[in-house]
N, C-alpha and C. Protein backbone atom coordinates (compact mmCIF):
# COMPACT_ATOMS: atom_id res chain seq x y z
N MET A 1 4.89 -23.63 -22.03
CA MET A 1 5.79 -22.71 -21.06
C MET A 1 5.41 -21.67 -20.89
N HIS A 2 4.59 -20.91 -21.75
CA HIS A 2 4.42 -19.38 -21.66
C HIS A 2 3.11 -19.52 -20.43
N MET A 3 2.25 -20.65 -20.10
CA MET A 3 1.42 -20.81 -19.30
C MET A 3 2.02 -20.92 -17.91
N ASN A 4 3.11 -21.78 -17.91
CA ASN A 4 3.74 -22.08 -16.43
C ASN A 4 4.53 -20.57 -16.25
N MET A 5 4.89 -19.85 -17.05
CA MET A 5 5.38 -18.65 -16.76
C MET A 5 4.53 -17.71 -16.04
N ARG A 6 3.40 -17.72 -16.86
CA ARG A 6 2.52 -16.74 -16.22
C ARG A 6 1.89 -17.21 -14.48
N HIS A 7 1.69 -18.78 -14.42
CA HIS A 7 1.29 -19.03 -13.17
C HIS A 7 2.71 -19.17 -12.26
N ARG A 8 3.65 -18.89 -12.73
CA ARG A 8 4.96 -18.69 -11.97
C ARG A 8 5.07 -17.24 -11.30
N PHE A 9 4.91 -16.23 -11.89
CA PHE A 9 4.74 -14.79 -11.84
C PHE A 9 3.60 -14.24 -11.18
N ALA A 10 2.27 -14.98 -11.32
CA ALA A 10 1.26 -14.03 -10.90
C ALA A 10 1.33 -14.18 -9.43
N PRO A 11 1.63 -14.93 -8.70
CA PRO A 11 1.55 -14.92 -7.11
C PRO A 11 2.54 -13.74 -6.80
N LEU A 12 3.73 -13.53 -7.55
CA LEU A 12 4.77 -12.45 -6.78
C LEU A 12 3.95 -11.25 -7.30
N LEU A 13 3.53 -11.07 -8.44
CA LEU A 13 3.12 -9.67 -8.83
C LEU A 13 1.90 -9.41 -7.91
N LEU A 14 0.97 -10.25 -7.41
CA LEU A 14 -0.12 -10.15 -6.72
C LEU A 14 0.27 -9.49 -5.15
N LEU A 15 1.63 -10.30 -4.59
CA LEU A 15 1.99 -9.77 -3.47
C LEU A 15 2.79 -8.52 -3.61
N LEU A 16 3.49 -7.97 -4.75
CA LEU A 16 3.76 -6.76 -4.80
C LEU A 16 2.71 -5.80 -4.67
N CYS A 17 1.53 -5.93 -5.24
CA CYS A 17 0.35 -5.13 -5.26
C CYS A 17 -0.13 -4.82 -3.81
N ALA A 18 -0.13 -6.21 -3.21
CA ALA A 18 -0.52 -6.07 -1.62
C ALA A 18 0.35 -5.21 -0.73
N PHE A 19 1.79 -5.19 -0.89
CA PHE A 19 2.60 -4.74 0.18
C PHE A 19 3.06 -3.24 -0.43
N THR A 20 2.85 -3.13 -1.53
CA THR A 20 3.89 -1.99 -1.87
C THR A 20 3.56 -0.77 -0.91
N PRO A 21 2.33 -0.32 -0.69
CA PRO A 21 1.81 0.81 -0.07
C PRO A 21 2.58 0.85 1.36
N LEU A 22 3.08 -0.54 2.07
CA LEU A 22 3.44 -0.61 3.16
C LEU A 22 5.07 -0.63 3.39
N SER A 23 5.53 -0.29 2.10
CA SER A 23 6.79 -0.67 2.01
C SER A 23 7.95 0.45 2.26
N TYR A 24 7.15 1.82 2.14
CA TYR A 24 7.77 3.18 2.44
C TYR A 24 7.20 4.24 3.08
N ALA A 25 7.63 4.81 3.73
CA ALA A 25 7.14 5.87 4.20
C ALA A 25 6.61 7.04 3.46
N ALA A 26 5.20 7.16 3.50
CA ALA A 26 4.44 8.16 2.54
C ALA A 26 3.45 8.85 3.33
N PRO A 27 2.96 10.17 2.79
CA PRO A 27 1.92 10.73 3.04
C PRO A 27 0.59 10.02 3.34
N ILE A 28 0.24 9.86 4.64
CA ILE A 28 -1.26 9.55 4.66
C ILE A 28 -2.17 10.47 5.45
N SER A 29 -3.45 10.61 5.00
CA SER A 29 -4.61 11.61 5.48
C SER A 29 -5.69 10.86 6.34
N TYR A 30 -6.25 11.82 7.10
CA TYR A 30 -6.94 11.46 8.42
C TYR A 30 -8.08 12.63 8.05
N GLY A 31 -9.30 12.14 8.50
CA GLY A 31 -10.34 13.26 8.42
C GLY A 31 -10.80 13.50 10.06
N ILE A 32 -11.25 14.65 10.43
CA ILE A 32 -11.80 15.10 11.90
C ILE A 32 -12.96 15.18 11.91
N ASN A 33 -13.96 14.66 12.66
CA ASN A 33 -15.18 15.42 12.84
C ASN A 33 -15.73 15.68 14.38
N TYR A 34 -15.95 16.85 14.43
CA TYR A 34 -16.36 17.71 15.78
C TYR A 34 -17.53 17.49 16.05
N VAL A 35 -18.03 17.29 17.15
CA VAL A 35 -19.61 17.13 17.30
C VAL A 35 -19.74 17.93 18.66
N VAL A 36 -20.59 19.29 18.40
CA VAL A 36 -20.65 20.19 19.54
C VAL A 36 -21.77 19.36 20.57
N GLN A 37 -21.27 19.43 21.85
CA GLN A 37 -22.01 18.75 23.11
C GLN A 37 -22.26 19.65 24.30
N HIS A 38 -21.52 20.74 24.20
CA HIS A 38 -21.89 21.96 25.24
C HIS A 38 -21.48 23.15 24.90
N LEU A 39 -22.06 24.46 25.37
CA LEU A 39 -21.88 25.53 24.77
C LEU A 39 -21.19 26.31 26.10
N ASP A 40 -20.36 27.19 26.07
CA ASP A 40 -19.45 28.13 26.87
C ASP A 40 -19.56 27.52 28.45
N PRO A 41 -18.98 26.37 28.40
CA PRO A 41 -18.50 25.75 29.93
C PRO A 41 -18.22 26.89 30.92
N LEU A 42 -17.19 27.70 30.47
CA LEU A 42 -16.51 28.74 31.29
C LEU A 42 -17.32 29.95 31.92
N GLY A 43 -18.81 29.92 31.46
CA GLY A 43 -19.34 31.26 31.77
C GLY A 43 -18.83 32.69 31.28
N LEU A 44 -18.56 32.38 30.26
CA LEU A 44 -18.20 33.82 29.38
C LEU A 44 -19.15 34.56 28.94
N GLY A 45 -20.29 34.10 29.13
CA GLY A 45 -21.39 35.01 28.57
C GLY A 45 -21.99 34.28 27.28
N PRO A 46 -23.09 34.94 26.71
CA PRO A 46 -23.85 34.46 25.65
C PRO A 46 -22.91 33.98 24.54
N MET A 47 -23.61 32.97 23.83
CA MET A 47 -22.82 32.34 22.63
C MET A 47 -23.15 33.75 21.63
N LEU A 48 -21.71 33.98 21.11
CA LEU A 48 -21.80 34.92 19.96
C LEU A 48 -22.28 34.88 19.00
N ASP A 49 -22.35 33.61 18.46
CA ASP A 49 -23.16 33.45 16.94
C ASP A 49 -24.04 32.40 17.43
N PRO A 50 -25.41 32.69 16.75
CA PRO A 50 -26.49 32.06 16.81
C PRO A 50 -26.40 30.78 16.10
N ARG A 51 -25.39 30.71 15.21
CA ARG A 51 -25.30 29.35 14.54
C ARG A 51 -24.67 28.07 14.92
N ILE A 52 -24.14 28.69 16.22
CA ILE A 52 -23.54 27.45 16.87
C ILE A 52 -24.20 26.71 18.09
N ALA A 53 -24.72 25.68 17.92
CA ALA A 53 -25.72 24.82 18.80
C ALA A 53 -25.09 23.32 19.01
N VAL A 54 -25.55 22.90 19.91
CA VAL A 54 -25.62 21.34 20.32
C VAL A 54 -25.75 20.70 19.15
N GLY A 55 -25.05 19.58 18.92
CA GLY A 55 -25.26 18.85 17.62
C GLY A 55 -24.81 19.29 16.37
N ASN A 56 -24.11 20.35 16.27
CA ASN A 56 -23.37 20.91 15.14
C ASN A 56 -22.26 19.64 14.84
N VAL A 57 -22.04 19.55 13.54
CA VAL A 57 -20.68 18.90 13.38
C VAL A 57 -19.76 19.56 12.26
N TYR A 58 -18.49 19.63 12.74
CA TYR A 58 -17.54 20.64 11.85
C TYR A 58 -16.62 19.33 11.61
N THR A 59 -15.86 19.84 10.50
CA THR A 59 -15.05 18.94 9.94
C THR A 59 -13.38 19.37 9.78
N GLY A 60 -12.55 18.63 9.56
CA GLY A 60 -11.14 19.06 9.48
C GLY A 60 -10.36 17.60 8.99
N SER A 61 -9.18 18.02 8.46
CA SER A 61 -8.31 16.86 8.07
C SER A 61 -6.99 17.11 8.40
N PHE A 62 -6.01 15.96 8.06
CA PHE A 62 -4.66 16.33 8.36
C PHE A 62 -4.00 15.45 7.55
N THR A 63 -2.70 15.38 7.10
CA THR A 63 -1.82 14.61 6.33
C THR A 63 -0.35 14.42 7.30
N VAL A 64 0.00 13.52 7.43
CA VAL A 64 1.02 13.19 8.44
C VAL A 64 2.11 11.85 7.63
N ASP A 65 3.07 11.91 7.81
CA ASP A 65 3.90 10.85 7.04
C ASP A 65 3.86 9.55 7.97
N SER A 66 3.69 8.54 7.09
CA SER A 66 3.13 7.39 7.52
C SER A 66 3.95 6.46 8.52
N ALA A 67 5.29 6.88 8.80
CA ALA A 67 6.37 6.50 9.36
C ALA A 67 5.62 6.44 11.14
N ILE A 68 4.79 7.33 11.24
CA ILE A 68 4.58 7.24 12.62
C ILE A 68 3.33 6.06 13.30
N LEU A 69 3.03 5.41 12.27
CA LEU A 69 2.32 4.10 12.28
C LEU A 69 3.23 2.82 12.69
N ALA A 70 4.46 3.15 12.62
CA ALA A 70 5.33 1.95 12.59
C ALA A 70 5.32 1.37 14.30
N GLN A 71 5.05 2.15 15.07
CA GLN A 71 5.13 1.60 16.73
C GLN A 71 3.78 2.43 17.13
N ASP A 72 3.07 1.59 17.93
CA ASP A 72 1.98 2.27 18.75
C ASP A 72 2.46 3.10 19.93
N GLY A 73 1.94 4.00 20.27
CA GLY A 73 2.20 5.32 21.31
C GLY A 73 1.00 6.30 21.52
N ILE A 74 1.20 7.08 22.75
CA ILE A 74 0.18 7.82 23.09
C ILE A 74 1.12 9.44 23.10
N ASN A 75 0.46 10.37 22.53
CA ASN A 75 0.97 11.52 22.35
C ASN A 75 2.27 11.88 21.40
N LYS A 76 2.42 10.98 20.20
CA LYS A 76 3.39 10.74 19.61
C LYS A 76 3.83 12.14 18.72
N SER A 77 4.93 12.94 18.57
CA SER A 77 5.07 13.70 17.32
C SER A 77 5.24 13.03 16.20
N GLY A 78 4.74 13.76 15.10
CA GLY A 78 4.80 13.44 13.55
C GLY A 78 5.12 14.29 12.81
N SER A 79 5.47 13.78 11.62
CA SER A 79 5.76 15.02 10.46
C SER A 79 4.53 15.27 9.55
N ILE A 80 3.77 16.43 10.25
CA ILE A 80 2.78 16.71 9.29
C ILE A 80 2.74 17.90 8.08
N SER A 81 2.41 17.36 7.07
CA SER A 81 2.33 18.43 6.17
C SER A 81 1.28 19.21 5.84
N ALA A 82 0.28 18.78 6.31
CA ALA A 82 -1.13 19.53 6.30
C ALA A 82 -2.30 19.46 7.24
N PHE A 83 -2.71 20.69 7.89
CA PHE A 83 -3.92 20.54 8.58
C PHE A 83 -4.75 21.58 8.61
N THR A 84 -6.13 21.29 8.43
CA THR A 84 -7.08 22.45 8.12
C THR A 84 -8.44 21.92 9.27
N THR A 85 -9.04 22.74 9.68
CA THR A 85 -10.56 22.62 10.24
C THR A 85 -11.01 24.05 10.27
N THR A 86 -12.29 23.99 9.78
CA THR A 86 -13.35 24.92 9.73
C THR A 86 -14.41 24.87 10.60
N MET A 87 -14.88 25.91 11.42
CA MET A 87 -16.12 25.96 12.31
C MET A 87 -16.58 27.21 11.80
N GLU A 88 -17.69 27.22 11.08
CA GLU A 88 -18.54 28.39 10.75
C GLU A 88 -17.51 29.22 9.90
N ASP A 89 -17.15 30.53 10.32
CA ASP A 89 -16.58 31.38 9.45
C ASP A 89 -14.91 31.47 9.89
N VAL A 90 -14.60 30.58 10.83
CA VAL A 90 -13.22 30.45 11.44
C VAL A 90 -12.66 29.24 10.74
N SER A 91 -11.15 29.33 10.43
CA SER A 91 -10.68 28.10 9.76
C SER A 91 -9.10 28.23 10.43
N TRP A 92 -8.59 27.25 10.38
CA TRP A 92 -6.90 26.93 10.92
C TRP A 92 -6.64 26.29 9.85
N THR A 93 -5.80 26.66 8.86
CA THR A 93 -5.40 25.78 7.94
C THR A 93 -4.05 26.13 7.32
N THR A 94 -2.96 25.37 7.54
CA THR A 94 -1.42 25.53 7.22
C THR A 94 -1.35 26.04 5.93
N GLY A 95 -0.49 27.12 5.99
CA GLY A 95 -0.02 27.47 4.60
C GLY A 95 -1.17 28.49 3.86
N LEU A 96 -2.11 28.68 4.55
CA LEU A 96 -2.93 29.81 4.25
C LEU A 96 -2.80 30.69 5.18
N PRO A 97 -2.83 32.18 4.37
CA PRO A 97 -2.31 33.36 5.17
C PRO A 97 -3.55 33.96 6.02
N PHE A 98 -3.45 34.57 7.14
CA PHE A 98 -4.44 35.43 7.56
C PHE A 98 -4.80 36.47 6.69
N PRO A 99 -6.19 36.99 6.74
CA PRO A 99 -7.18 36.55 7.50
C PRO A 99 -8.02 35.31 7.02
N MET A 100 -7.47 34.76 5.70
CA MET A 100 -8.37 33.28 5.26
C MET A 100 -8.19 32.49 6.35
N SER A 101 -7.00 32.21 7.18
CA SER A 101 -7.01 31.19 8.00
C SER A 101 -6.35 31.88 9.31
N GLU A 102 -6.52 31.42 10.37
CA GLU A 102 -6.18 31.52 11.58
C GLU A 102 -4.83 31.08 12.00
N PHE A 103 -4.60 30.02 11.47
CA PHE A 103 -3.56 29.05 11.95
C PHE A 103 -2.11 29.60 12.38
N ALA A 104 -1.52 29.45 13.35
CA ALA A 104 -0.40 30.11 13.87
C ALA A 104 0.42 28.98 14.35
N GLY A 105 0.14 28.16 14.69
CA GLY A 105 1.02 26.77 15.34
C GLY A 105 0.25 25.93 15.89
N PHE A 106 1.10 24.73 16.37
CA PHE A 106 0.30 23.83 17.24
C PHE A 106 0.92 23.65 18.53
N ARG A 107 0.39 23.21 19.62
CA ARG A 107 0.53 22.73 20.81
C ARG A 107 0.99 21.12 20.68
N GLY A 108 2.05 20.66 20.96
CA GLY A 108 2.09 19.42 20.67
C GLY A 108 3.07 18.80 21.93
N PRO A 109 3.64 17.31 21.80
CA PRO A 109 4.13 16.90 22.95
C PRO A 109 5.34 17.90 23.31
N ASN A 110 6.23 18.50 22.46
CA ASN A 110 7.04 19.37 23.29
C ASN A 110 6.64 20.66 23.66
N GLY A 111 5.33 21.03 23.84
CA GLY A 111 4.59 22.18 24.31
C GLY A 111 4.37 23.17 23.07
N PHE A 112 4.23 24.57 23.27
CA PHE A 112 3.49 25.62 22.55
C PHE A 112 4.56 25.63 21.41
N GLY A 113 4.00 25.71 20.35
CA GLY A 113 5.09 25.99 19.06
C GLY A 113 5.59 24.69 18.35
N ASP A 114 5.00 23.54 18.82
CA ASP A 114 5.43 22.44 18.19
C ASP A 114 5.46 22.22 16.67
N VAL A 115 5.91 21.25 16.15
CA VAL A 115 5.84 21.00 14.82
C VAL A 115 4.53 20.23 14.49
N SER A 116 3.83 19.55 15.48
CA SER A 116 2.53 18.87 14.89
C SER A 116 1.86 18.64 16.29
N PRO A 117 0.56 18.32 16.44
CA PRO A 117 -0.17 17.87 17.82
C PRO A 117 0.36 16.75 18.02
N GLY A 118 -0.08 16.35 19.37
CA GLY A 118 0.30 14.77 19.50
C GLY A 118 -0.44 13.70 18.91
N PHE A 119 -0.14 12.75 18.67
CA PHE A 119 -0.80 11.68 17.66
C PHE A 119 -0.90 10.11 18.86
N ASP A 120 -2.17 9.92 19.09
CA ASP A 120 -2.24 8.57 19.80
C ASP A 120 -2.46 7.54 18.53
N VAL A 121 -1.37 6.48 18.41
CA VAL A 121 -1.50 5.50 17.64
C VAL A 121 -1.73 4.13 18.21
N ILE A 122 -2.89 3.39 17.68
CA ILE A 122 -3.26 2.39 18.39
C ILE A 122 -3.47 1.30 17.33
N ASN A 123 -2.90 0.18 17.34
CA ASN A 123 -3.14 -0.97 16.32
C ASN A 123 -2.92 -0.54 14.73
N GLY A 124 -1.73 0.51 14.78
CA GLY A 124 -1.09 0.95 13.72
C GLY A 124 -1.95 1.65 12.91
N GLN A 125 -2.88 2.60 13.59
CA GLN A 125 -3.89 3.91 13.32
C GLN A 125 -3.87 4.71 14.05
N ILE A 126 -3.93 6.21 13.62
CA ILE A 126 -4.11 7.00 14.35
C ILE A 126 -5.59 7.22 14.85
N THR A 127 -5.75 7.35 16.23
CA THR A 127 -7.13 7.37 16.65
C THR A 127 -7.49 8.62 17.49
N ASN A 128 -6.45 9.35 17.77
CA ASN A 128 -6.59 10.60 18.59
C ASN A 128 -5.54 11.83 18.40
N LEU A 129 -6.16 12.93 18.59
CA LEU A 129 -5.00 14.23 18.76
C LEU A 129 -4.99 14.72 20.18
N ARG A 130 -4.07 14.83 20.45
CA ARG A 130 -3.77 15.85 21.72
C ARG A 130 -2.89 17.08 21.52
N GLY A 131 -2.99 17.92 22.66
CA GLY A 131 -2.40 19.14 22.31
C GLY A 131 -3.37 20.40 21.83
N GLY A 132 -3.16 20.81 20.50
CA GLY A 132 -4.13 21.72 20.16
C GLY A 132 -3.50 22.56 18.98
N VAL A 133 -4.46 23.62 18.27
CA VAL A 133 -3.68 24.45 17.24
C VAL A 133 -4.46 25.87 17.81
N PHE A 134 -3.43 26.96 17.63
CA PHE A 134 -3.69 28.27 17.94
C PHE A 134 -3.70 29.16 16.92
N GLY A 135 -4.04 30.33 17.18
CA GLY A 135 -3.82 31.46 16.22
C GLY A 135 -2.76 32.56 16.84
N SER A 136 -2.89 33.67 16.13
CA SER A 136 -2.03 34.66 16.49
C SER A 136 -2.43 35.06 17.79
N ALA A 137 -1.41 35.40 18.84
CA ALA A 137 -1.79 35.67 20.52
C ALA A 137 -2.57 34.67 21.04
N ASP A 138 -2.37 33.25 20.20
CA ASP A 138 -2.61 32.29 21.02
C ASP A 138 -4.39 32.30 20.73
N PHE A 139 -4.88 32.98 20.15
CA PHE A 139 -6.53 32.99 19.71
C PHE A 139 -6.63 33.02 18.48
N PRO A 140 -7.67 32.55 17.94
CA PRO A 140 -8.58 31.82 18.52
C PRO A 140 -7.67 30.11 18.66
N PHE A 141 -8.46 29.39 19.43
CA PHE A 141 -7.67 28.01 19.65
C PHE A 141 -8.78 26.96 19.47
N ILE A 142 -8.01 25.52 19.34
CA ILE A 142 -8.72 24.60 19.37
C ILE A 142 -7.93 23.70 20.40
N ASP A 143 -8.34 23.14 21.76
CA ASP A 143 -7.62 22.25 22.34
C ASP A 143 -8.35 20.94 22.17
N PHE A 144 -7.23 20.11 21.85
CA PHE A 144 -7.57 18.56 21.59
C PHE A 144 -7.58 17.76 23.01
N SER A 145 -8.25 16.52 23.10
CA SER A 145 -8.48 15.86 24.11
C SER A 145 -8.45 16.26 25.74
N LEU A 146 -9.46 17.39 25.78
CA LEU A 146 -9.49 17.86 27.08
C LEU A 146 -10.67 17.71 27.78
N ASN A 147 -10.60 17.21 28.85
CA ASN A 147 -12.15 17.28 29.65
C ASN A 147 -12.63 18.53 29.54
N VAL A 148 -13.83 18.93 29.48
CA VAL A 148 -14.15 20.31 29.88
C VAL A 148 -15.22 20.26 31.08
N ARG A 149 -15.15 21.06 32.07
CA ARG A 149 -16.05 21.03 33.21
C ARG A 149 -16.79 21.91 33.07
N LEU A 150 -17.91 21.35 32.98
CA LEU A 150 -19.22 22.31 33.04
C LEU A 150 -19.67 22.69 34.36
N PRO A 151 -20.27 23.97 34.64
CA PRO A 151 -20.72 24.42 35.64
C PRO A 151 -21.53 23.34 36.60
N SER A 152 -22.42 22.36 35.79
CA SER A 152 -22.72 21.46 36.90
C SER A 152 -21.70 20.09 36.93
N GLY A 153 -20.62 20.31 36.04
CA GLY A 153 -19.50 19.23 36.25
C GLY A 153 -19.81 17.81 35.56
N ILE A 154 -19.35 17.81 34.42
CA ILE A 154 -19.51 16.51 33.65
C ILE A 154 -18.41 15.70 34.13
N ASP A 155 -17.35 16.18 34.87
CA ASP A 155 -16.45 15.36 35.31
C ASP A 155 -16.29 15.76 37.01
N PRO A 156 -16.92 15.28 37.72
CA PRO A 156 -17.21 15.79 39.09
C PRO A 156 -15.79 15.45 39.74
N SER A 157 -14.64 14.58 39.25
CA SER A 157 -13.64 14.40 40.16
C SER A 157 -12.79 15.81 39.90
N CYS A 158 -13.05 16.43 38.66
CA CYS A 158 -12.26 17.69 38.30
C CYS A 158 -12.03 18.62 39.18
N THR A 159 -11.25 19.08 40.04
CA THR A 159 -11.07 20.01 41.12
C THR A 159 -9.99 21.09 40.74
N THR A 160 -9.27 21.23 39.62
CA THR A 160 -8.26 21.90 39.39
C THR A 160 -8.26 23.05 38.37
N GLY A 161 -9.62 23.27 38.06
CA GLY A 161 -9.86 24.23 37.20
C GLY A 161 -10.77 24.10 36.23
N ALA A 162 -10.64 24.85 34.99
CA ALA A 162 -11.69 24.44 33.77
C ALA A 162 -11.39 23.01 33.08
N PHE A 163 -10.03 22.91 32.94
CA PHE A 163 -9.77 21.95 32.12
C PHE A 163 -8.99 20.75 32.97
N CYS A 164 -9.24 19.54 32.91
CA CYS A 164 -8.88 18.51 33.77
C CYS A 164 -8.53 17.20 32.84
N GLY A 165 -7.71 16.72 33.22
CA GLY A 165 -7.14 15.42 32.41
C GLY A 165 -6.84 15.50 31.35
N ASN A 166 -6.79 14.58 30.41
CA ASN A 166 -6.68 14.63 28.85
C ASN A 166 -7.36 13.27 28.27
N SER A 167 -8.31 13.43 28.34
CA SER A 167 -9.31 12.05 27.80
C SER A 167 -9.17 12.14 26.40
N PRO A 168 -9.34 11.05 25.98
CA PRO A 168 -9.36 11.18 24.30
C PRO A 168 -10.74 11.45 23.72
N ASN A 169 -10.39 11.92 22.34
CA ASN A 169 -11.70 12.11 21.59
C ASN A 169 -12.52 13.31 22.15
N SER A 170 -12.10 14.37 22.59
CA SER A 170 -12.68 15.21 22.93
C SER A 170 -12.09 16.78 22.62
N PHE A 171 -12.76 17.81 22.29
CA PHE A 171 -12.03 18.93 22.04
C PHE A 171 -12.87 20.18 22.78
N TRP A 172 -12.00 21.36 22.59
CA TRP A 172 -12.54 22.47 23.39
C TRP A 172 -12.05 23.65 22.53
N THR A 173 -12.99 24.77 22.13
CA THR A 173 -12.56 25.68 21.46
C THR A 173 -13.13 27.21 21.95
N ILE A 174 -12.16 28.24 22.04
CA ILE A 174 -12.77 29.65 22.11
C ILE A 174 -12.47 30.29 21.15
N ASN A 175 -13.27 31.11 20.12
CA ASN A 175 -12.81 31.94 19.11
C ASN A 175 -13.99 33.07 19.07
N ARG A 176 -13.85 33.73 18.25
CA ARG A 176 -15.12 34.85 17.83
C ARG A 176 -16.33 34.54 17.81
N LEU A 177 -16.48 33.51 17.27
CA LEU A 177 -17.94 32.79 17.45
C LEU A 177 -18.62 32.37 18.73
N GLY A 178 -17.51 32.29 19.92
CA GLY A 178 -18.13 31.90 21.07
C GLY A 178 -17.00 30.53 21.80
N GLY A 179 -17.58 30.23 23.18
CA GLY A 179 -16.84 29.05 23.54
C GLY A 179 -17.34 28.02 23.25
N PHE A 180 -17.13 26.48 23.17
CA PHE A 180 -17.98 25.64 22.99
C PHE A 180 -17.05 24.11 22.66
N GLY A 181 -17.60 22.93 23.08
CA GLY A 181 -16.92 21.76 23.01
C GLY A 181 -17.79 20.49 22.94
N GLY A 182 -16.87 19.32 22.66
CA GLY A 182 -17.73 18.20 22.45
C GLY A 182 -16.74 16.98 21.98
N SER A 183 -17.32 15.84 21.28
CA SER A 183 -16.53 14.96 20.94
C SER A 183 -15.69 14.96 19.60
N MET A 184 -14.49 14.28 19.28
CA MET A 184 -13.93 14.63 18.30
C MET A 184 -13.43 12.86 17.82
N THR A 185 -13.62 12.81 16.60
CA THR A 185 -13.38 11.46 15.90
C THR A 185 -12.51 11.61 14.80
N ILE A 186 -11.33 10.66 14.93
CA ILE A 186 -10.25 10.91 13.99
C ILE A 186 -10.72 9.38 13.06
N PHE A 187 -10.57 9.66 11.79
CA PHE A 187 -10.71 8.31 10.94
C PHE A 187 -9.68 8.45 9.69
N ALA A 188 -9.52 7.23 8.93
CA ALA A 188 -8.42 7.23 7.96
C ALA A 188 -9.24 7.55 6.87
N ILE A 189 -8.54 8.15 5.83
CA ILE A 189 -8.93 8.55 4.67
C ILE A 189 -8.35 7.72 3.09
N PRO A 190 -9.03 6.77 2.67
CA PRO A 190 -8.16 5.85 1.65
C PRO A 190 -7.50 6.83 0.72
N GLU A 191 -6.36 6.28 0.47
CA GLU A 191 -5.63 6.86 -0.57
C GLU A 191 -5.87 6.77 -2.04
N PRO A 192 -5.88 7.46 -2.90
CA PRO A 192 -6.04 7.13 -4.41
C PRO A 192 -5.31 5.77 -4.79
N GLU A 193 -3.92 5.97 -4.08
CA GLU A 193 -3.20 4.51 -4.89
C GLU A 193 -3.83 3.26 -4.11
N THR A 194 -4.43 3.30 -3.08
CA THR A 194 -4.71 2.11 -2.52
C THR A 194 -6.16 1.41 -3.47
N TYR A 195 -6.63 2.38 -3.79
CA TYR A 195 -7.99 1.99 -4.92
C TYR A 195 -7.35 1.69 -6.11
N ALA A 196 -6.13 2.29 -6.67
CA ALA A 196 -5.63 1.90 -8.15
C ALA A 196 -4.90 0.57 -7.73
N LEU A 197 -4.32 0.10 -6.78
CA LEU A 197 -3.75 -1.10 -6.62
C LEU A 197 -4.62 -2.25 -6.48
N ALA A 198 -5.80 -1.77 -5.70
CA ALA A 198 -6.89 -2.76 -5.75
C ALA A 198 -7.61 -3.15 -7.22
N LEU A 199 -7.85 -2.08 -8.14
CA LEU A 199 -8.27 -2.26 -9.34
C LEU A 199 -7.12 -3.03 -10.29
N LEU A 200 -6.08 -2.80 -9.86
CA LEU A 200 -5.11 -3.36 -10.74
C LEU A 200 -4.89 -4.80 -10.35
N GLY A 201 -5.05 -5.16 -9.11
CA GLY A 201 -5.16 -6.51 -8.69
C GLY A 201 -6.48 -7.37 -9.42
N LEU A 202 -7.50 -6.46 -9.39
CA LEU A 202 -8.61 -7.27 -9.88
C LEU A 202 -8.62 -7.52 -11.20
N ALA A 203 -8.04 -6.47 -12.12
CA ALA A 203 -7.71 -6.56 -13.63
C ALA A 203 -6.90 -7.94 -13.92
N ILE A 204 -5.84 -7.87 -13.24
CA ILE A 204 -4.84 -8.96 -13.52
C ILE A 204 -5.86 -10.15 -13.16
N GLY A 205 -6.22 -10.51 -12.01
CA GLY A 205 -6.99 -11.71 -12.06
C GLY A 205 -7.94 -11.90 -12.93
N GLY A 206 -8.94 -10.98 -13.50
CA GLY A 206 -9.83 -11.17 -14.58
C GLY A 206 -8.95 -11.63 -15.93
N ALA A 207 -7.80 -10.89 -15.87
CA ALA A 207 -7.13 -11.23 -17.46
C ALA A 207 -6.61 -12.79 -17.23
N MET A 208 -6.20 -13.05 -16.16
CA MET A 208 -5.46 -14.50 -15.95
C MET A 208 -6.79 -15.55 -16.16
N THR A 209 -8.09 -15.11 -15.53
CA THR A 209 -9.23 -15.97 -15.70
C THR A 209 -9.46 -16.19 -17.10
N ARG A 210 -9.60 -15.18 -17.94
CA ARG A 210 -10.17 -15.29 -19.17
C ARG A 210 -9.03 -16.04 -20.16
N ARG A 211 -7.64 -15.88 -19.84
CA ARG A 211 -6.59 -16.46 -20.48
C ARG A 211 -6.61 -17.82 -20.24
N ARG A 212 -7.15 -18.47 -18.96
CA ARG A 212 -6.90 -19.69 -18.78
C ARG A 212 -8.51 -20.27 -19.39
N LYS A 213 -9.48 -19.36 -19.58
CA LYS A 213 -10.76 -20.32 -20.20
C LYS A 213 -10.40 -20.19 -21.70
N ALA A 214 -9.70 -19.20 -22.25
CA ALA A 214 -9.39 -19.48 -23.81
C ALA A 214 -8.55 -20.68 -24.15
N ALA A 215 -7.48 -21.02 -23.24
CA ALA A 215 -6.47 -21.87 -23.42
C ALA A 215 -7.44 -23.21 -23.08
N SER A 216 -8.06 -23.26 -22.42
CA SER A 216 -9.02 -24.78 -22.19
C SER A 216 -9.87 -25.30 -23.22
């Protein structure tokens, strides 16, 4: 009888382990990689910081409520609880006061001073940011997902000024280090509870196997 009970409830326990993370809204974290591909496309003068060079990689992250993943969409608002990006000595971090952080707010789907940047959700994952993050008096800032028009023209169809369109996965910044831009990649960061549930599932499976062998 005990063996029957174990076999009866084991599938239910495994299903609970598999689906618990998706059954309620919870904070989820994403990383950001910024790769510098061009310097000073607006012709503002020499780069102010010699550390800034093509090929440099800078990083950031953000945490947002998982409810945003329920439906795909472009430039969606989200409930963001943390954001940070650091480029050399310049950092934008929510909750960290000046001068340790330059963060003053977001540009989002509802404009300047929005509660979050815009999120592109594709196949249940955040794949891109739109809008931007800014400092006091708008400076220093990072613009997300903007084509940057170089003097030689990386976007020959752009005739309306320095910034044209809203192509995914690119960034542009002007700060006290200089002006530069390039590609931007968004990637999911696995949550600790995901690993914990996976390990729990493996442990349960191992224990059941050992008991079956002992009973045979």
